[in-house]
Amino acid sequence: MFEIIESAPNVLALRVSNKITGADLDRIMDGLDEAMSADDKVHVFVETHGIDGIELTGLPSYVARAMPLLGKLSQFGRVAVVADQAWIRAGTRIESAMLPFISYRTFMPDERDNALAWVEGTAK
């Protein structure tokens, strides 16, 4: 399941749970494309719950759409990942290490509100 969460205009905020489908990946990329065309700097908030797989048939299309983003990495600002599963937090830390110029943070589910505030730039 995938849903967009209401957030600041320069933030793509979404919630993902269970199995990630090709349609979910398309909607995520549509949201990212829209956010990047509207703002110079885009921040990303991802909240995950019980991810139990990804539909492999959607991956080739997703990868093809994601590759051009490598040329736009400077547009990414803060990225917060709230995850109830350790493997997702670990994967986020690996991605962060590969992209050190993007500010990544991982959060536990009980830190969700702090994570969203951090991404939106309103954290105290």
PDB file of N, CA and C in Angstrom:
ATOM      1  N   MET A   1       0.829  -1.173   0.000  1.00  0.00           N
ATOM      2  CA  MET A   1       0.000   0.000   0.000  1.00  0.00           C
ATOM      3  C   MET A   1       0.880   1.244   0.000  1.00  0.00           C
ATOM      4  N   PHE A   2       0.399   2.270  -0.657  1.00  0.00           N
ATOM      5  CA  PHE A   2       1.135   3.518  -0.804  1.00  0.00           C
ATOM      6  C   PHE A   2       0.173   4.687  -0.659  1.00  0.00           C
ATOM      7  N   GLU A   3       0.593   5.707   0.063  1.00  0.00           N
ATOM      8  CA  GLU A   3      -0.219   6.919   0.125  1.00  0.00           C
ATOM      9  C   GLU A   3       0.670   8.132   0.318  1.00  0.00           C
ATOM     10  N   ILE A   4       0.232   9.248  -0.251  1.00  0.00           N
ATOM     11  CA  ILE A   4       0.905  10.531  -0.083  1.00  0.00           C
ATOM     12  C   ILE A   4       0.419  11.131   1.236  1.00  0.00           C
ATOM     13  N   ILE A   5       1.339  11.712   1.993  1.00  0.00           N
ATOM     14  CA  ILE A   5       1.018  12.365   3.254  1.00  0.00           C
ATOM     15  C   ILE A   5       1.104  13.873   3.023  1.00  0.00           C
ATOM     16  N   GLU A   6       0.143  14.599   3.537  1.00  0.00           N
ATOM     17  CA  GLU A   6       0.169  16.056   3.404  1.00  0.00           C
ATOM     18  C   GLU A   6       1.380  16.606   4.148  1.00  0.00           C
ATOM     19  N   SER A   7       2.096  17.518   3.487  1.00  0.00           N
ATOM     20  CA  SER A   7       3.312  18.072   4.079  1.00  0.00           C
ATOM     21  C   SER A   7       3.613  19.421   3.437  1.00  0.00           C
ATOM     22  N   ALA A   8       4.756  19.975   3.792  1.00  0.00           N
ATOM     23  CA  ALA A   8       5.196  21.248   3.225  1.00  0.00           C
ATOM     24  C   ALA A   8       5.333  21.117   1.705  1.00  0.00           C
ATOM     25  N   PRO A   9       5.217  22.230   0.989  1.00  0.00           N
ATOM     26  CA  PRO A   9       5.242  22.170  -0.480  1.00  0.00           C
ATOM     27  C   PRO A   9       6.514  21.570  -1.086  1.00  0.00           C
ATOM     28  N   ASN A  10       7.655  21.753  -0.449  1.00  0.00           N
ATOM     29  CA  ASN A  10       8.904  21.237  -1.014  1.00  0.00           C
ATOM     30  C   ASN A  10       9.291  19.875  -0.436  1.00  0.00           C
ATOM     31  N   VAL A  11       8.306  19.178   0.144  1.00  0.00           N
ATOM     32  CA  VAL A  11       8.536  17.861   0.743  1.00  0.00           C
ATOM     33  C   VAL A  11       7.649  16.827   0.060  1.00  0.00           C
ATOM     34  N   LEU A  12       8.267  15.753  -0.388  1.00  0.00           N
ATOM     35  CA  LEU A  12       7.508  14.594  -0.852  1.00  0.00           C
ATOM     36  C   LEU A  12       7.419  13.657   0.346  1.00  0.00           C
ATOM     37  N   ALA A  13       6.231  13.511   0.882  1.00  0.00           N
ATOM     38  CA  ALA A  13       6.024  12.674   2.065  1.00  0.00           C
ATOM     39  C   ALA A  13       5.095  11.531   1.694  1.00  0.00           C
ATOM     40  N   LEU A  14       5.513  10.322   2.038  1.00  0.00           N
ATOM     41  CA  LEU A  14       4.702   9.165   1.691  1.00  0.00           C
ATOM     42  C   LEU A  14       4.799   8.081   2.733  1.00  0.00           C
ATOM     43  N   ARG A  15       3.766   7.243   2.729  1.00  0.00           N
ATOM     44  CA  ARG A  15       3.681   6.093   3.631  1.00  0.00           C
ATOM     45  C   ARG A  15       3.573   4.847   2.756  1.00  0.00           C
ATOM     46  N   VAL A  16       4.387   3.865   3.069  1.00  0.00           N
ATOM     47  CA  VAL A  16       4.406   2.617   2.306  1.00  0.00           C
ATOM     48  C   VAL A  16       4.300   1.464   3.290  1.00  0.00           C
ATOM     49  N   SER A  17       3.480   0.478   2.944  1.00  0.00           N
ATOM     50  CA  SER A  17       3.369  -0.702   3.796  1.00  0.00           C
ATOM     51  C   SER A  17       3.098  -1.932   2.950  1.00  0.00           C
ATOM     52  N   ASN A  18       3.360  -3.068   3.567  1.00  0.00           N
ATOM     53  CA  ASN A  18       3.127  -4.371   2.946  1.00  0.00           C
ATOM     54  C   ASN A  18       3.947  -4.530   1.667  1.00  0.00           C
ATOM     55  N   LYS A  19       3.338  -4.942   0.586  1.00  0.00           N
ATOM     56  CA  LYS A  19       4.057  -5.178  -0.664  1.00  0.00           C
ATOM     57  C   LYS A  19       4.065  -3.911  -1.518  1.00  0.00           C
ATOM     58  N   ILE A  20       5.237  -3.562  -2.040  1.00  0.00           N
ATOM     59  CA  ILE A  20       5.369  -2.408  -2.923  1.00  0.00           C
ATOM     60  C   ILE A  20       5.161  -2.890  -4.349  1.00  0.00           C
ATOM     61  N   THR A  21       4.185  -2.309  -5.026  1.00  0.00           N
ATOM     62  CA  THR A  21       3.851  -2.735  -6.388  1.00  0.00           C
ATOM     63  C   THR A  21       4.487  -1.816  -7.421  1.00  0.00           C
ATOM     64  N   GLY A  22       4.454  -2.235  -8.662  1.00  0.00           N
ATOM     65  CA  GLY A  22       4.922  -1.397  -9.756  1.00  0.00           C
ATOM     66  C   GLY A  22       4.131  -0.098  -9.838  1.00  0.00           C
ATOM     67  N   ALA A  23       2.833  -0.169  -9.590  1.00  0.00           N
ATOM     68  CA  ALA A  23       1.994   1.036  -9.585  1.00  0.00           C
ATOM     69  C   ALA A  23       2.428   1.984  -8.467  1.00  0.00           C
ATOM     70  N   ASP A  24       2.787   1.431  -7.308  1.00  0.00           N
ATOM     71  CA  ASP A  24       3.288   2.267  -6.211  1.00  0.00           C
ATOM     72  C   ASP A  24       4.559   2.990  -6.638  1.00  0.00           C
ATOM     73  N   LEU A  25       5.477   2.256  -7.258  1.00  0.00           N
ATOM     74  CA  LEU A  25       6.738   2.848  -7.701  1.00  0.00           C
ATOM     75  C   LEU A  25       6.488   3.951  -8.726  1.00  0.00           C
ATOM     76  N   ASP A  26       5.544   3.734  -9.631  1.00  0.00           N
ATOM     77  CA  ASP A  26       5.203   4.763 -10.619  1.00  0.00           C
ATOM     78  C   ASP A  26       4.668   6.015  -9.934  1.00  0.00           C
ATOM     79  N   ARG A  27       3.797   5.842  -8.954  1.00  0.00           N
ATOM     80  CA  ARG A  27       3.237   6.998  -8.245  1.00  0.00           C
ATOM     81  C   ARG A  27       4.310   7.733  -7.447  1.00  0.00           C
ATOM     82  N   ILE A  28       5.246   6.991  -6.874  1.00  0.00           N
ATOM     83  CA  ILE A  28       6.353   7.624  -6.151  1.00  0.00           C
ATOM     84  C   ILE A  28       7.179   8.470  -7.115  1.00  0.00           C
ATOM     85  N   MET A  29       7.506   7.910  -8.271  1.00  0.00           N
ATOM     86  CA  MET A  29       8.293   8.656  -9.256  1.00  0.00           C
ATOM     87  C   MET A  29       7.518   9.855  -9.790  1.00  0.00           C
ATOM     88  N   ASP A  30       6.207   9.708  -9.995  1.00  0.00           N
ATOM     89  CA  ASP A  30       5.383  10.845 -10.436  1.00  0.00           C
ATOM     90  C   ASP A  30       5.450  11.968  -9.408  1.00  0.00           C
ATOM     91  N   GLY A  31       5.334  11.623  -8.133  1.00  0.00           N
ATOM     92  CA  GLY A  31       5.400  12.627  -7.071  1.00  0.00           C
ATOM     93  C   GLY A  31       6.755  13.293  -6.997  1.00  0.00           C
ATOM     94  N   LEU A  32       7.804  12.511  -7.173  1.00  0.00           N
ATOM     95  CA  LEU A  32       9.153  13.058  -7.138  1.00  0.00           C
ATOM     96  C   LEU A  32       9.394  13.975  -8.331  1.00  0.00           C
ATOM     97  N   ASP A  33       8.966  13.560  -9.515  1.00  0.00           N
ATOM     98  CA  ASP A  33       9.101  14.406 -10.713  1.00  0.00           C
ATOM     99  C   ASP A  33       8.381  15.734 -10.518  1.00  0.00           C
ATOM    100  N   GLU A  34       7.179  15.670  -9.975  1.00  0.00           N
ATOM    101  CA  GLU A  34       6.384  16.882  -9.747  1.00  0.00           C
ATOM    102  C   GLU A  34       7.070  17.800  -8.733  1.00  0.00           C
ATOM    103  N   ALA A  35       7.546  17.230  -7.640  1.00  0.00           N
ATOM    104  CA  ALA A  35       8.207  18.027  -6.605  1.00  0.00           C
ATOM    105  C   ALA A  35       9.483  18.662  -7.137  1.00  0.00           C
ATOM    106  N   MET A  36      10.245  17.928  -7.923  1.00  0.00           N
ATOM    107  CA  MET A  36      11.513  18.450  -8.434  1.00  0.00           C
ATOM    108  C   MET A  36      11.293  19.539  -9.481  1.00  0.00           C
ATOM    109  N   SER A  37      10.209  19.472 -10.203  1.00  0.00           N
ATOM    110  CA  SER A  37       9.941  20.518 -11.183  1.00  0.00           C
ATOM    111  C   SER A  37       9.400  21.781 -10.521  1.00  0.00           C
ATOM    112  N   ALA A  38       8.873  21.665  -9.309  1.00  0.00           N
ATOM    113  CA  ALA A  38       8.281  22.807  -8.620  1.00  0.00           C
ATOM    114  C   ALA A  38       9.264  23.542  -7.699  1.00  0.00           C
ATOM    115  N   ASP A  39      10.295  22.855  -7.213  1.00  0.00           N
ATOM    116  CA  ASP A  39      11.211  23.459  -6.250  1.00  0.00           C
ATOM    117  C   ASP A  39      12.658  23.147  -6.586  1.00  0.00           C
ATOM    118  N   ASP A  40      13.553  24.079  -6.189  1.00  0.00           N
ATOM    119  CA  ASP A  40      14.982  23.864  -6.395  1.00  0.00           C
ATOM    120  C   ASP A  40      15.534  22.791  -5.474  1.00  0.00           C
ATOM    121  N   LYS A  41      14.976  22.684  -4.268  1.00  0.00           N
ATOM    122  CA  LYS A  41      15.437  21.710  -3.283  1.00  0.00           C
ATOM    123  C   LYS A  41      14.234  20.913  -2.813  1.00  0.00           C
ATOM    124  N   VAL A  42      14.337  19.605  -2.876  1.00  0.00           N
ATOM    125  CA  VAL A  42      13.238  18.722  -2.492  1.00  0.00           C
ATOM    126  C   VAL A  42      13.695  17.854  -1.319  1.00  0.00           C
ATOM    127  N   HIS A  43      12.842  17.757  -0.325  1.00  0.00           N
ATOM    128  CA  HIS A  43      13.105  16.928   0.843  1.00  0.00           C
ATOM    129  C   HIS A  43      12.129  15.751   0.798  1.00  0.00           C
ATOM    130  N   VAL A  44      12.559  14.626   1.340  1.00  0.00           N
ATOM    131  CA  VAL A  44      11.761  13.402   1.228  1.00  0.00           C
ATOM    132  C   VAL A  44      11.541  12.800   2.616  1.00  0.00           C
ATOM    133  N   PHE A  45      10.291  12.444   2.882  1.00  0.00           N
ATOM    134  CA  PHE A  45       9.900  11.765   4.111  1.00  0.00           C
ATOM    135  C   PHE A  45       9.239  10.458   3.706  1.00  0.00           C
ATOM    136  N   VAL A  46       9.766   9.349   4.210  1.00  0.00           N
ATOM    137  CA  VAL A  46       9.199   8.036   3.909  1.00  0.00           C
ATOM    138  C   VAL A  46       8.921   7.325   5.222  1.00  0.00           C
ATOM    139  N   GLU A  47       7.685   6.911   5.377  1.00  0.00           N
ATOM    140  CA  GLU A  47       7.273   6.146   6.555  1.00  0.00           C
ATOM    141  C   GLU A  47       6.904   4.745   6.075  1.00  0.00           C
ATOM    142  N   THR A  48       7.570   3.732   6.602  1.00  0.00           N
ATOM    143  CA  THR A  48       7.293   2.361   6.179  1.00  0.00           C
ATOM    144  C   THR A  48       6.740   1.548   7.338  1.00  0.00           C
ATOM    145  N   HIS A  49       5.867   0.613   6.967  1.00  0.00           N
ATOM    146  CA  HIS A  49       5.272  -0.300   7.955  1.00  0.00           C
ATOM    147  C   HIS A  49       5.223  -1.700   7.346  1.00  0.00           C
ATOM    148  N   GLY A  50       5.906  -2.624   7.957  1.00  0.00           N
ATOM    149  CA  GLY A  50       5.798  -4.031   7.582  1.00  0.00           C
ATOM    150  C   GLY A  50       6.010  -4.336   6.109  1.00  0.00           C
ATOM    151  N   ILE A  51       7.059  -3.789   5.520  1.00  0.00           N
ATOM    152  CA  ILE A  51       7.345  -4.073   4.109  1.00  0.00           C
ATOM    153  C   ILE A  51       7.687  -5.554   3.995  1.00  0.00           C
ATOM    154  N   ASP A  52       6.947  -6.262   3.152  1.00  0.00           N
ATOM    155  CA  ASP A  52       7.191  -7.695   3.009  1.00  0.00           C
ATOM    156  C   ASP A  52       7.550  -8.093   1.579  1.00  0.00           C
ATOM    157  N   GLY A  53       7.848  -7.118   0.756  1.00  0.00           N
ATOM    158  CA  GLY A  53       8.301  -7.455  -0.581  1.00  0.00           C
ATOM    159  C   GLY A  53       8.073  -6.323  -1.566  1.00  0.00           C
ATOM    160  N   ILE A  54       8.669  -6.516  -2.710  1.00  0.00           N
ATOM    161  CA  ILE A  54       8.530  -5.570  -3.804  1.00  0.00           C
ATOM    162  C   ILE A  54       8.220  -6.364  -5.060  1.00  0.00           C
ATOM    163  N   GLU A  55       7.277  -5.888  -5.814  1.00  0.00           N
ATOM    164  CA  GLU A  55       6.861  -6.557  -7.047  1.00  0.00           C
ATOM    165  C   GLU A  55       7.967  -6.396  -8.086  1.00  0.00           C
ATOM    166  N   LEU A  56       8.617  -7.482  -8.424  1.00  0.00           N
ATOM    167  CA  LEU A  56       9.769  -7.422  -9.322  1.00  0.00           C
ATOM    168  C   LEU A  56       9.434  -6.944 -10.730  1.00  0.00           C
ATOM    169  N   THR A  57       8.207  -7.171 -11.176  1.00  0.00           N
ATOM    170  CA  THR A  57       7.856  -6.745 -12.532  1.00  0.00           C
ATOM    171  C   THR A  57       7.882  -5.231 -12.683  1.00  0.00           C
ATOM    172  N   GLY A  58       7.762  -4.480 -11.588  1.00  0.00           N
ATOM    173  CA  GLY A  58       7.791  -3.028 -11.659  1.00  0.00           C
ATOM    174  C   GLY A  58       9.181  -2.433 -11.596  1.00  0.00           C
ATOM    175  N   LEU A  59      10.184  -3.230 -11.242  1.00  0.00           N
ATOM    176  CA  LEU A  59      11.529  -2.695 -11.058  1.00  0.00           C
ATOM    177  C   LEU A  59      12.187  -2.150 -12.323  1.00  0.00           C
ATOM    178  N   PRO A  60      12.118  -2.820 -13.469  1.00  0.00           N
ATOM    179  CA  PRO A  60      12.796  -2.271 -14.648  1.00  0.00           C
ATOM    180  C   PRO A  60      12.311  -0.870 -15.025  1.00  0.00           C
ATOM    181  N   SER A  61      11.028  -0.660 -14.971  1.00  0.00           N
ATOM    182  CA  SER A  61      10.474   0.657 -15.277  1.00  0.00           C
ATOM    183  C   SER A  61      10.933   1.686 -14.252  1.00  0.00           C
ATOM    184  N   TYR A  62      10.938   1.301 -12.987  1.00  0.00           N
ATOM    185  CA  TYR A  62      11.359   2.198 -11.917  1.00  0.00           C
ATOM    186  C   TYR A  62      12.827   2.584 -12.091  1.00  0.00           C
ATOM    187  N   VAL A  63      13.679   1.612 -12.343  1.00  0.00           N
ATOM    188  CA  VAL A  63      15.105   1.888 -12.520  1.00  0.00           C
ATOM    189  C   VAL A  63      15.321   2.821 -13.705  1.00  0.00           C
ATOM    190  N   ALA A  64      14.606   2.589 -14.794  1.00  0.00           N
ATOM    191  CA  ALA A  64      14.735   3.449 -15.973  1.00  0.00           C
ATOM    192  C   ALA A  64      14.329   4.887 -15.642  1.00  0.00           C
ATOM    193  N   ARG A  65      13.306   5.056 -14.835  1.00  0.00           N
ATOM    194  CA  ARG A  65      12.872   6.406 -14.456  1.00  0.00           C
ATOM    195  C   ARG A  65      13.789   7.025 -13.408  1.00  0.00           C
ATOM    196  N   ALA A  66      14.395   6.198 -12.567  1.00  0.00           N
ATOM    197  CA  ALA A  66      15.239   6.706 -11.485  1.00  0.00           C
ATOM    198  C   ALA A  66      16.634   7.103 -11.956  1.00  0.00           C
ATOM    199  N   MET A  67      17.138   6.483 -12.987  1.00  0.00           N
ATOM    200  CA  MET A  67      18.509   6.762 -13.449  1.00  0.00           C
ATOM    201  C   MET A  67      18.762   8.241 -13.744  1.00  0.00           C
ATOM    202  N   PRO A  68      17.861   8.949 -14.407  1.00  0.00           N
ATOM    203  CA  PRO A  68      18.117  10.372 -14.659  1.00  0.00           C
ATOM    204  C   PRO A  68      18.235  11.210 -13.378  1.00  0.00           C
ATOM    205  N   LEU A  69      17.738  10.697 -12.264  1.00  0.00           N
ATOM    206  CA  LEU A  69      17.845  11.423 -11.006  1.00  0.00           C
ATOM    207  C   LEU A  69      19.292  11.554 -10.538  1.00  0.00           C
ATOM    208  N   LEU A  70      20.169  10.680 -11.027  1.00  0.00           N
ATOM    209  CA  LEU A  70      21.581  10.778 -10.643  1.00  0.00           C
ATOM    210  C   LEU A  70      22.157  12.132 -11.038  1.00  0.00           C
ATOM    211  N   GLY A  71      21.652  12.713 -12.118  1.00  0.00           N
ATOM    212  CA  GLY A  71      22.098  14.037 -12.546  1.00  0.00           C
ATOM    213  C   GLY A  71      21.445  15.169 -11.775  1.00  0.00           C
ATOM    214  N   LYS A  72      20.483  14.850 -10.928  1.00  0.00           N
ATOM    215  CA  LYS A  72      19.754  15.860 -10.165  1.00  0.00           C
ATOM    216  C   LYS A  72      19.949  15.699  -8.663  1.00  0.00           C
ATOM    217  N   LEU A  73      20.971  14.993  -8.247  1.00  0.00           N
ATOM    218  CA  LEU A  73      21.162  14.714  -6.822  1.00  0.00           C
ATOM    219  C   LEU A  73      21.318  15.985  -5.992  1.00  0.00           C
ATOM    220  N   SER A  74      21.816  17.052  -6.615  1.00  0.00           N
ATOM    221  CA  SER A  74      21.994  18.299  -5.870  1.00  0.00           C
ATOM    222  C   SER A  74      20.657  18.918  -5.470  1.00  0.00           C
ATOM    223  N   GLN A  75      19.558  18.479  -6.062  1.00  0.00           N
ATOM    224  CA  GLN A  75      18.231  18.991  -5.711  1.00  0.00           C
ATOM    225  C   GLN A  75      17.676  18.359  -4.438  1.00  0.00           C
ATOM    226  N   PHE A  76      18.287  17.257  -3.996  1.00  0.00           N
ATOM    227  CA  PHE A  76      17.792  16.598  -2.791  1.00  0.00           C
ATOM    228  C   PHE A  76      18.371  17.275  -1.558  1.00  0.00           C
ATOM    229  N   GLY A  77      17.514  17.497  -0.569  1.00  0.00           N
ATOM    230  CA  GLY A  77      17.939  18.075   0.698  1.00  0.00           C
ATOM    231  C   GLY A  77      17.932  17.014   1.772  1.00  0.00           C
ATOM    232  N   ARG A  78      16.994  17.138   2.695  1.00  0.00           N
ATOM    233  CA  ARG A  78      16.904  16.193   3.802  1.00  0.00           C
ATOM    234  C   ARG A  78      16.033  15.001   3.407  1.00  0.00           C
ATOM    235  N   VAL A  79      16.463  13.820   3.844  1.00  0.00           N
ATOM    236  CA  VAL A  79      15.702  12.592   3.620  1.00  0.00           C
ATOM    237  C   VAL A  79      15.538  11.903   4.973  1.00  0.00           C
ATOM    238  N   ALA A  80      14.287  11.707   5.379  1.00  0.00           N
ATOM    239  CA  ALA A  80      13.995  11.008   6.631  1.00  0.00           C
ATOM    240  C   ALA A  80      13.260   9.722   6.314  1.00  0.00           C
ATOM    241  N   VAL A  81      13.715   8.644   6.920  1.00  0.00           N
ATOM    242  CA  VAL A  81      13.055   7.350   6.761  1.00  0.00           C
ATOM    243  C   VAL A  81      12.646   6.861   8.142  1.00  0.00           C
ATOM    244  N   VAL A  82      11.348   6.678   8.309  1.00  0.00           N
ATOM    245  CA  VAL A  82      10.790   6.130   9.539  1.00  0.00           C
ATOM    246  C   VAL A  82      10.440   4.683   9.229  1.00  0.00           C
ATOM    247  N   ALA A  83      11.066   3.764   9.939  1.00  0.00           N
ATOM    248  CA  ALA A  83      10.865   2.354   9.611  1.00  0.00           C
ATOM    249  C   ALA A  83      10.743   1.504  10.865  1.00  0.00           C
ATOM    250  N   ASP A  84       9.814   0.570  10.804  1.00  0.00           N
ATOM    251  CA  ASP A  84       9.648  -0.369  11.913  1.00  0.00           C
ATOM    252  C   ASP A  84      10.513  -1.615  11.726  1.00  0.00           C
ATOM    253  N   GLN A  85      11.245  -1.684  10.624  1.00  0.00           N
ATOM    254  CA  GLN A  85      12.081  -2.851  10.343  1.00  0.00           C
ATOM    255  C   GLN A  85      13.550  -2.429  10.257  1.00  0.00           C
ATOM    256  N   ALA A  86      14.394  -3.156  10.964  1.00  0.00           N
ATOM    257  CA  ALA A  86      15.821  -2.824  11.023  1.00  0.00           C
ATOM    258  C   ALA A  86      16.477  -2.869   9.648  1.00  0.00           C
ATOM    259  N   TRP A  87      16.051  -3.800   8.774  1.00  0.00           N
ATOM    260  CA  TRP A  87      16.703  -3.921   7.477  1.00  0.00           C
ATOM    261  C   TRP A  87      16.457  -2.683   6.610  1.00  0.00           C
ATOM    262  N   ILE A  88      15.345  -2.025   6.787  1.00  0.00           N
ATOM    263  CA  ILE A  88      15.085  -0.795   6.018  1.00  0.00           C
ATOM    264  C   ILE A  88      15.949   0.339   6.562  1.00  0.00           C
ATOM    265  N   ARG A  89      16.069   0.448   7.867  1.00  0.00           N
ATOM    266  CA  ARG A  89      16.941   1.473   8.450  1.00  0.00           C
ATOM    267  C   ARG A  89      18.386   1.232   8.036  1.00  0.00           C
ATOM    268  N   ALA A  90      18.822  -0.026   8.014  1.00  0.00           N
ATOM    269  CA  ALA A  90      20.191  -0.348   7.593  1.00  0.00           C
ATOM    270  C   ALA A  90      20.398  -0.005   6.115  1.00  0.00           C
ATOM    271  N   GLY A  91      19.434  -0.339   5.287  1.00  0.00           N
ATOM    272  CA  GLY A  91      19.532  -0.002   3.861  1.00  0.00           C
ATOM    273  C   GLY A  91      19.607   1.496   3.636  1.00  0.00           C
ATOM    274  N   THR A  92      18.871   2.252   4.439  1.00  0.00           N
ATOM    275  CA  THR A  92      18.908   3.712   4.344  1.00  0.00           C
ATOM    276  C   THR A  92      20.288   4.231   4.729  1.00  0.00           C
ATOM    277  N   ARG A  93      20.886   3.658   5.747  1.00  0.00           N
ATOM    278  CA  ARG A  93      22.231   4.084   6.154  1.00  0.00           C
ATOM    279  C   ARG A  93      23.257   3.769   5.072  1.00  0.00           C
ATOM    280  N   ILE A  94      23.096   2.654   4.384  1.00  0.00           N
ATOM    281  CA  ILE A  94      24.000   2.315   3.281  1.00  0.00           C
ATOM    282  C   ILE A  94      23.831   3.328   2.147  1.00  0.00           C
ATOM    283  N   GLU A  95      22.579   3.626   1.808  1.00  0.00           N
ATOM    284  CA  GLU A  95      22.316   4.621   0.755  1.00  0.00           C
ATOM    285  C   GLU A  95      22.909   5.975   1.154  1.00  0.00           C
ATOM    286  N   SER A  96      22.766   6.343   2.418  1.00  0.00           N
ATOM    287  CA  SER A  96      23.314   7.601   2.911  1.00  0.00           C
ATOM    288  C   SER A  96      24.831   7.644   2.748  1.00  0.00           C
ATOM    289  N   ALA A  97      25.491   6.530   3.025  1.00  0.00           N
ATOM    290  CA  ALA A  97      26.950   6.465   2.882  1.00  0.00           C
ATOM    291  C   ALA A  97      27.362   6.618   1.420  1.00  0.00           C
ATOM    292  N   MET A  98      26.544   6.130   0.507  1.00  0.00           N
ATOM    293  CA  MET A  98      26.860   6.230  -0.921  1.00  0.00           C
ATOM    294  C   MET A  98      26.564   7.628  -1.475  1.00  0.00           C
ATOM    295  N   LEU A  99      25.719   8.385  -0.772  1.00  0.00           N
ATOM    296  CA  LEU A  99      25.328   9.729  -1.198  1.00  0.00           C
ATOM    297  C   LEU A  99      25.557  10.705  -0.039  1.00  0.00           C
ATOM    298  N   PRO A 100      26.829  10.922   0.344  1.00  0.00           N
ATOM    299  CA  PRO A 100      27.112  11.694   1.558  1.00  0.00           C
ATOM    300  C   PRO A 100      26.711  13.171   1.482  1.00  0.00           C
ATOM    301  N   PHE A 101      26.445  13.689   0.323  1.00  0.00           N
ATOM    302  CA  PHE A 101      26.073  15.096   0.186  1.00  0.00           C
ATOM    303  C   PHE A 101      24.573  15.313   0.357  1.00  0.00           C
ATOM    304  N   ILE A 102      23.815  14.232   0.591  1.00  0.00           N
ATOM    305  CA  ILE A 102      22.391  14.330   0.905  1.00  0.00           C
ATOM    306  C   ILE A 102      22.250  13.992   2.387  1.00  0.00           C
ATOM    307  N   SER A 103      21.506  14.797   3.102  1.00  0.00           N
ATOM    308  CA  SER A 103      21.364  14.622   4.548  1.00  0.00           C
ATOM    309  C   SER A 103      20.274  13.602   4.868  1.00  0.00           C
ATOM    310  N   TYR A 104      20.688  12.406   5.253  1.00  0.00           N
ATOM    311  CA  TYR A 104      19.772  11.313   5.594  1.00  0.00           C
ATOM    312  C   TYR A 104      19.711  11.134   7.101  1.00  0.00           C
ATOM    313  N   ARG A 105      18.528  10.767   7.582  1.00  0.00           N
ATOM    314  CA  ARG A 105      18.379  10.327   8.967  1.00  0.00           C
ATOM    315  C   ARG A 105      17.331   9.228   9.009  1.00  0.00           C
ATOM    316  N   THR A 106      17.551   8.267   9.883  1.00  0.00           N
ATOM    317  CA  THR A 106      16.562   7.207  10.091  1.00  0.00           C
ATOM    318  C   THR A 106      15.926   7.404  11.465  1.00  0.00           C
ATOM    319  N   PHE A 107      14.672   6.984  11.553  1.00  0.00           N
ATOM    320  CA  PHE A 107      13.901   7.174  12.774  1.00  0.00           C
ATOM    321  C   PHE A 107      13.093   5.917  13.068  1.00  0.00           C
ATOM    322  N   MET A 108      12.839   5.715  14.344  1.00  0.00           N
ATOM    323  CA  MET A 108      11.946   4.653  14.789  1.00  0.00           C
ATOM    324  C   MET A 108      10.507   5.178  14.664  1.00  0.00           C
ATOM    325  N   PRO A 109       9.510   4.283  14.607  1.00  0.00           N
ATOM    326  CA  PRO A 109       8.121   4.730  14.450  1.00  0.00           C
ATOM    327  C   PRO A 109       7.652   5.738  15.507  1.00  0.00           C
ATOM    328  N   ASP A 110       8.121   5.611  16.753  1.00  0.00           N
ATOM    329  CA  ASP A 110       7.687   6.557  17.785  1.00  0.00           C
ATOM    330  C   ASP A 110       8.310   7.945  17.629  1.00  0.00           C
ATOM    331  N   GLU A 111       9.226   8.097  16.668  1.00  0.00           N
ATOM    332  CA  GLU A 111       9.863   9.385  16.381  1.00  0.00           C
ATOM    333  C   GLU A 111       9.308  10.026  15.110  1.00  0.00           C
ATOM    334  N   ARG A 112       8.204   9.500  14.618  1.00  0.00           N
ATOM    335  CA  ARG A 112       7.637   9.922  13.343  1.00  0.00           C
ATOM    336  C   ARG A 112       7.424  11.432  13.234  1.00  0.00           C
ATOM    337  N   ASP A 113       6.806  12.041  14.250  1.00  0.00           N
ATOM    338  CA  ASP A 113       6.533  13.472  14.206  1.00  0.00           C
ATOM    339  C   ASP A 113       7.825  14.286  14.163  1.00  0.00           C
ATOM    340  N   ASN A 114       8.827  13.865  14.917  1.00  0.00           N
ATOM    341  CA  ASN A 114      10.133  14.539  14.893  1.00  0.00           C
ATOM    342  C   ASN A 114      10.774  14.407  13.515  1.00  0.00           C
ATOM    343  N   ALA A 115      10.626  13.248  12.895  1.00  0.00           N
ATOM    344  CA  ALA A 115      11.199  13.022  11.571  1.00  0.00           C
ATOM    345  C   ALA A 115      10.577  13.960  10.542  1.00  0.00           C
ATOM    346  N   LEU A 116       9.255  14.073  10.563  1.00  0.00           N
ATOM    347  CA  LEU A 116       8.577  14.949   9.612  1.00  0.00           C
ATOM    348  C   LEU A 116       8.960  16.410   9.857  1.00  0.00           C
ATOM    349  N   ALA A 117       9.039  16.810  11.111  1.00  0.00           N
ATOM    350  CA  ALA A 117       9.455  18.185  11.432  1.00  0.00           C
ATOM    351  C   ALA A 117      10.883  18.441  10.951  1.00  0.00           C
ATOM    352  N   TRP A 118      11.770  17.468  11.110  1.00  0.00           N
ATOM    353  CA  TRP A 118      13.158  17.626  10.655  1.00  0.00           C
ATOM    354  C   TRP A 118      13.195  17.803   9.142  1.00  0.00           C
ATOM    355  N   VAL A 119      12.460  16.971   8.415  1.00  0.00           N
ATOM    356  CA  VAL A 119      12.452  17.072   6.952  1.00  0.00           C
ATOM    357  C   VAL A 119      11.862  18.410   6.504  1.00  0.00           C
ATOM    358  N   GLU A 120      10.810  18.843   7.171  1.00  0.00           N
ATOM    359  CA  GLU A 120      10.173  20.108   6.798  1.00  0.00           C
ATOM    360  C   GLU A 120      10.969  21.326   7.261  1.00  0.00           C
ATOM    361  N   GLY A 121      12.011  21.099   8.074  1.00  0.00           N
ATOM    362  CA  GLY A 121      12.844  22.195   8.549  1.00  0.00           C
ATOM    363  C   GLY A 121      12.220  22.958   9.708  1.00  0.00           C
ATOM    364  N   THR A 122      11.282  22.331  10.412  1.00  0.00           N
ATOM    365  CA  THR A 122      10.616  23.002  11.532  1.00  0.00           C
ATOM    366  C   THR A 122      10.973  22.388  12.878  1.00  0.00           C
ATOM    367  N   ALA A 123      11.928  21.471  12.904  1.00  0.00           N
ATOM    368  CA  ALA A 123      12.320  20.812  14.166  1.00  0.00           C
ATOM    369  C   ALA A 123      12.971  21.837  15.089  1.00  0.00           C
ATOM    370  N   LYS A 124      12.719  21.652  16.370  1.00  0.00           N
ATOM    371  CA  LYS A 124      13.278  22.580  17.384  1.00  0.00           C
ATOM    372  C   LYS A 124      14.620  22.147  17.831  1.00  0.00           C
TER     373      LYS A 124
END
